[in-house]
Amino acid sequence: MKTFGKVSTALAALCMAGAAGVALAGNISGVKVEPANTQVGQQVKVIVTGEDEGICGLRVEYGNGDVDVTKMSKGKDDFPRSFMKSYNKAGTYTIVAKGGRDGSAFGCTGEARAQVVVAEAPKPAAAPAAAPAAATAPACPEGYNLNAKSVNKKTGAFTCAAKKGAKKPEKDLACPAGTEYFANAKATSLGCRVPKAAAKK
């Protein structure tokens, strides 16, 4: 009978300890997201609030398959508990804070939910189109006048006529791409023209 009494006393003590363990579990009271509206790639802060009554496991589900499980311990890992999170896809996600076993710690009691809305990140503004390069105006050498009727804006060809007493320029004119320099025998007429082979095409 004495043995039975000792066993009964021990069982009663264990039951009381178990009951006390349940009573000492932390209780989740709320969860919020800051900011509640964000963009893809930007971090938000998830804050879980509750009552610190003992050791328990806290599980945070972010709504996209990602999960955090951590241990809460009064005086050491107290509520509120914060987590940083970012999403790589736009959408509305429900974040759930609830109990979850962490090693030897049973899950906290209570459950709370919050939503976060994730928008697509704005696309970078397109760079303004570069202005087309201004066409270089035909330039005749000193002592020569431009023959306005000879100017071809498409090809860049032009002809210059020598003034009285004009000297032949020492250097050939720098002609636009697709044209070539020309001058007659006495250099009374010179300029840039489309090569004959190209003109036939």
Protein backbone atom coordinates (compact mmCIF):
# COMPACT_ATOMS: atom_id res chain seq x y z
CA MET A 1 0.00 0.00 0.00
CA LYS A 2 2.85 2.36 0.75
CA THR A 3 4.32 1.70 -2.72
CA PHE A 4 0.96 2.37 -4.32
CA GLY A 5 0.72 5.62 -2.38
CA LYS A 6 4.15 6.76 -3.59
CA VAL A 7 3.30 5.94 -7.22
CA SER A 8 -0.01 7.78 -6.95
CA THR A 9 1.74 10.82 -5.50
CA ALA A 10 4.34 10.78 -8.28
CA LEU A 11 1.67 10.52 -11.00
CA ALA A 12 -0.25 13.37 -9.47
CA ALA A 13 2.87 15.52 -9.44
CA LEU A 14 3.54 14.75 -13.12
CA CYS A 15 -0.02 15.64 -14.08
CA MET A 16 0.23 18.93 -12.24
CA ALA A 17 3.54 19.72 -13.93
CA GLY A 18 2.01 18.91 -17.32
CA ALA A 19 -0.95 21.14 -16.60
CA ALA A 20 1.38 23.90 -15.49
CA GLY A 21 3.38 23.49 -18.71
CA VAL A 22 0.25 24.04 -20.80
CA ALA A 23 -0.75 27.03 -18.70
CA LEU A 24 2.71 28.55 -19.11
CA ALA A 25 2.63 28.43 -22.93
CA GLY A 26 2.88 31.84 -24.62
CA ASN A 27 -0.28 33.14 -26.26
CA ILE A 28 -0.34 34.77 -29.73
CA SER A 29 -2.66 37.79 -29.76
CA GLY A 30 -2.00 39.52 -33.09
CA VAL A 31 0.10 40.02 -36.23
CA LYS A 32 0.59 43.06 -38.43
CA VAL A 33 2.59 43.91 -41.54
CA GLU A 34 4.44 47.19 -42.11
CA PRO A 35 3.84 48.40 -44.77
CA ALA A 36 0.71 46.45 -45.74
CA ASN A 37 1.20 47.49 -49.38
CA THR A 38 4.57 46.92 -50.97
CA GLN A 39 6.32 46.04 -54.22
CA VAL A 40 8.11 42.98 -55.53
CA GLY A 41 11.60 42.75 -54.01
CA GLN A 42 10.94 45.22 -51.17
CA GLN A 43 11.04 44.06 -47.56
CA VAL A 44 8.15 44.27 -45.13
CA LYS A 45 8.24 43.89 -41.35
CA VAL A 46 6.00 41.20 -39.84
CA ILE A 47 5.32 41.86 -36.14
CA VAL A 48 3.76 39.14 -33.96
CA THR A 49 2.35 40.23 -30.59
CA GLY A 50 1.30 38.07 -27.66
CA GLU A 51 1.60 37.29 -23.97
CA ASP A 52 4.88 36.05 -22.54
CA GLU A 53 3.88 33.20 -20.23
CA GLY A 54 6.60 30.64 -20.84
CA ILE A 55 8.46 28.68 -23.52
CA CYS A 56 6.66 27.82 -26.76
CA GLY A 57 7.22 27.48 -30.51
CA LEU A 58 6.04 30.29 -32.84
CA ARG A 59 5.32 29.48 -36.49
CA VAL A 60 4.90 32.24 -39.09
CA GLU A 61 3.55 31.27 -42.53
CA TYR A 62 4.02 33.95 -45.20
CA GLY A 63 1.43 32.72 -47.70
CA ASN A 64 3.92 31.85 -50.45
CA GLY A 65 5.20 28.59 -48.95
CA ASP A 66 7.90 30.21 -46.82
CA VAL A 67 7.80 29.54 -43.08
CA ASP A 68 9.71 30.71 -40.00
CA VAL A 69 9.63 28.71 -36.74
CA THR A 70 11.24 30.13 -33.62
CA LYS A 71 11.20 29.59 -29.86
CA MET A 72 9.59 32.11 -27.53
CA SER A 73 10.88 32.29 -23.96
CA LYS A 74 9.71 34.74 -21.33
CA GLY A 75 12.51 37.05 -20.29
CA LYS A 76 14.69 36.05 -23.24
CA ASP A 77 12.74 35.89 -26.52
CA ASP A 78 9.71 37.97 -25.65
CA PHE A 79 6.76 39.21 -27.67
CA PRO A 80 6.51 41.24 -29.84
CA ARG A 81 8.65 39.30 -32.32
CA SER A 82 9.63 40.80 -35.70
CA PHE A 83 10.52 39.14 -39.00
CA MET A 84 11.67 40.71 -42.29
CA LYS A 85 10.19 39.33 -45.50
CA SER A 86 10.19 40.11 -49.24
CA TYR A 87 8.20 38.61 -52.12
CA ASN A 88 9.36 37.95 -55.68
CA LYS A 89 5.90 37.80 -57.22
CA ALA A 90 2.96 40.20 -57.14
CA GLY A 91 -0.22 39.16 -55.34
CA THR A 92 -2.14 39.28 -52.06
CA TYR A 93 -0.66 37.06 -49.34
CA THR A 94 -2.16 36.00 -46.01
CA ILE A 95 0.39 35.81 -43.20
CA VAL A 96 -0.52 33.42 -40.36
CA ALA A 97 1.10 33.46 -36.91
CA LYS A 98 0.33 30.34 -34.88
CA GLY A 99 1.84 27.69 -32.63
CA GLY A 100 4.45 25.36 -34.07
CA ARG A 101 6.68 22.90 -32.27
CA ASP A 102 10.32 23.95 -32.08
CA GLY A 103 12.48 21.14 -30.76
CA SER A 104 11.23 20.31 -27.27
CA ALA A 105 9.00 23.38 -27.12
CA PHE A 106 5.31 22.86 -27.85
CA GLY A 107 3.48 25.37 -30.01
CA CYS A 108 2.25 28.68 -28.59
CA THR A 109 -1.50 29.04 -28.16
CA GLY A 110 -3.64 31.35 -30.27
CA GLU A 111 -3.55 32.30 -33.93
CA ALA A 112 -3.56 35.61 -35.85
CA ARG A 113 -3.71 36.61 -39.52
CA ALA A 114 -2.82 39.65 -41.62
CA GLN A 115 -2.63 40.41 -45.34
CA VAL A 116 0.03 42.05 -47.44
CA VAL A 117 -0.55 43.29 -51.00
CA VAL A 118 2.48 43.05 -53.29
CA ALA A 119 2.49 45.03 -56.53
CA GLU A 120 4.80 44.72 -59.52
CA ALA A 121 7.82 46.99 -59.30
CA PRO A 122 7.56 49.94 -61.74
CA LYS A 123 9.52 49.50 -64.93
CA PRO A 124 12.38 51.96 -65.44
CA ALA A 125 11.47 54.85 -67.72
CA ALA A 126 12.73 54.46 -71.25
CA ALA A 127 15.60 56.74 -72.15
CA PRO A 128 14.56 59.54 -74.52
CA ALA A 129 15.42 58.85 -78.14
CA ALA A 130 18.54 60.60 -79.27
CA ALA A 131 17.91 63.47 -81.63
CA PRO A 132 19.11 62.76 -85.16
CA ALA A 133 22.46 64.32 -85.92
CA ALA A 134 22.11 67.56 -87.76
CA ALA A 135 23.26 67.35 -91.36
CA THR A 136 26.52 69.16 -91.96
CA ALA A 137 25.98 72.16 -94.19
CA PRO A 138 28.10 72.14 -97.36
CA ALA A 139 31.24 74.23 -96.87
CA CYS A 140 33.15 75.65 -99.77
CA PRO A 141 36.85 76.63 -99.47
CA GLU A 142 37.91 80.25 -99.29
CA GLY A 143 37.42 82.03 -102.60
CA TYR A 144 34.55 79.77 -103.72
CA ASN A 145 30.76 80.20 -103.68
CA LEU A 146 28.27 77.40 -103.13
CA ASN A 147 26.04 76.61 -106.08
CA ALA A 148 22.72 76.33 -104.22
CA LYS A 149 21.08 74.37 -107.05
CA SER A 150 23.77 71.70 -106.83
CA VAL A 151 23.05 70.78 -103.21
CA ASN A 152 21.55 67.29 -102.84
CA LYS A 153 20.25 66.84 -99.27
CA LYS A 154 19.84 63.08 -99.73
CA THR A 155 23.36 62.29 -100.90
CA GLY A 156 25.22 65.30 -99.48
CA ALA A 157 26.63 66.20 -102.90
CA PHE A 158 27.33 69.89 -103.79
CA THR A 159 29.39 72.06 -106.13
CA CYS A 160 31.42 75.18 -105.44
CA ALA A 161 32.29 77.80 -108.11
CA ALA A 162 35.53 79.79 -107.97
CA LYS A 163 35.41 83.55 -107.55
CA LYS A 164 37.63 85.74 -109.69
CA GLY A 165 41.26 85.26 -108.68
CA ALA A 166 40.49 82.29 -106.41
CA LYS A 167 43.34 79.89 -105.75
CA LYS A 168 42.96 76.12 -105.84
CA PRO A 169 42.73 74.85 -102.22
CA GLU A 170 45.79 73.05 -100.91
CA LYS A 171 43.70 70.24 -99.45
CA ASP A 172 40.79 68.30 -100.85
CA LEU A 173 37.42 68.91 -99.27
CA ALA A 174 36.26 66.51 -96.56
CA CYS A 175 33.20 65.03 -98.28
CA PRO A 176 30.19 63.41 -96.61
CA ALA A 177 30.03 59.59 -96.49
CA GLY A 178 28.99 58.12 -99.82
CA THR A 179 30.47 60.98 -101.85
CA GLU A 180 33.90 61.80 -103.29
CA TYR A 181 35.85 64.98 -103.86
CA PHE A 182 36.15 66.31 -107.40
CA ALA A 183 37.67 69.36 -109.12
CA ASN A 184 37.93 70.32 -112.82
CA ALA A 185 41.28 70.92 -114.47
CA LYS A 186 41.51 74.63 -113.58
CA ALA A 187 39.70 74.15 -110.25
CA THR A 188 37.09 76.67 -111.27
CA SER A 189 34.52 74.11 -110.11
CA LEU A 190 34.96 71.64 -107.31
CA GLY A 191 32.95 69.91 -104.59
CA CYS A 192 31.60 66.53 -103.54
CA ARG A 193 29.71 64.14 -105.79
CA VAL A 194 28.32 60.62 -105.76
CA PRO A 195 30.82 58.24 -107.41
CA LYS A 196 29.76 57.29 -110.94
CA ALA A 197 29.69 53.56 -110.09
CA ALA A 198 27.31 54.22 -107.18
CA ALA A 199 25.19 56.59 -109.23
CA LYS A 200 24.57 53.87 -111.86
CA LYS A 201 23.17 51.56 -109.19
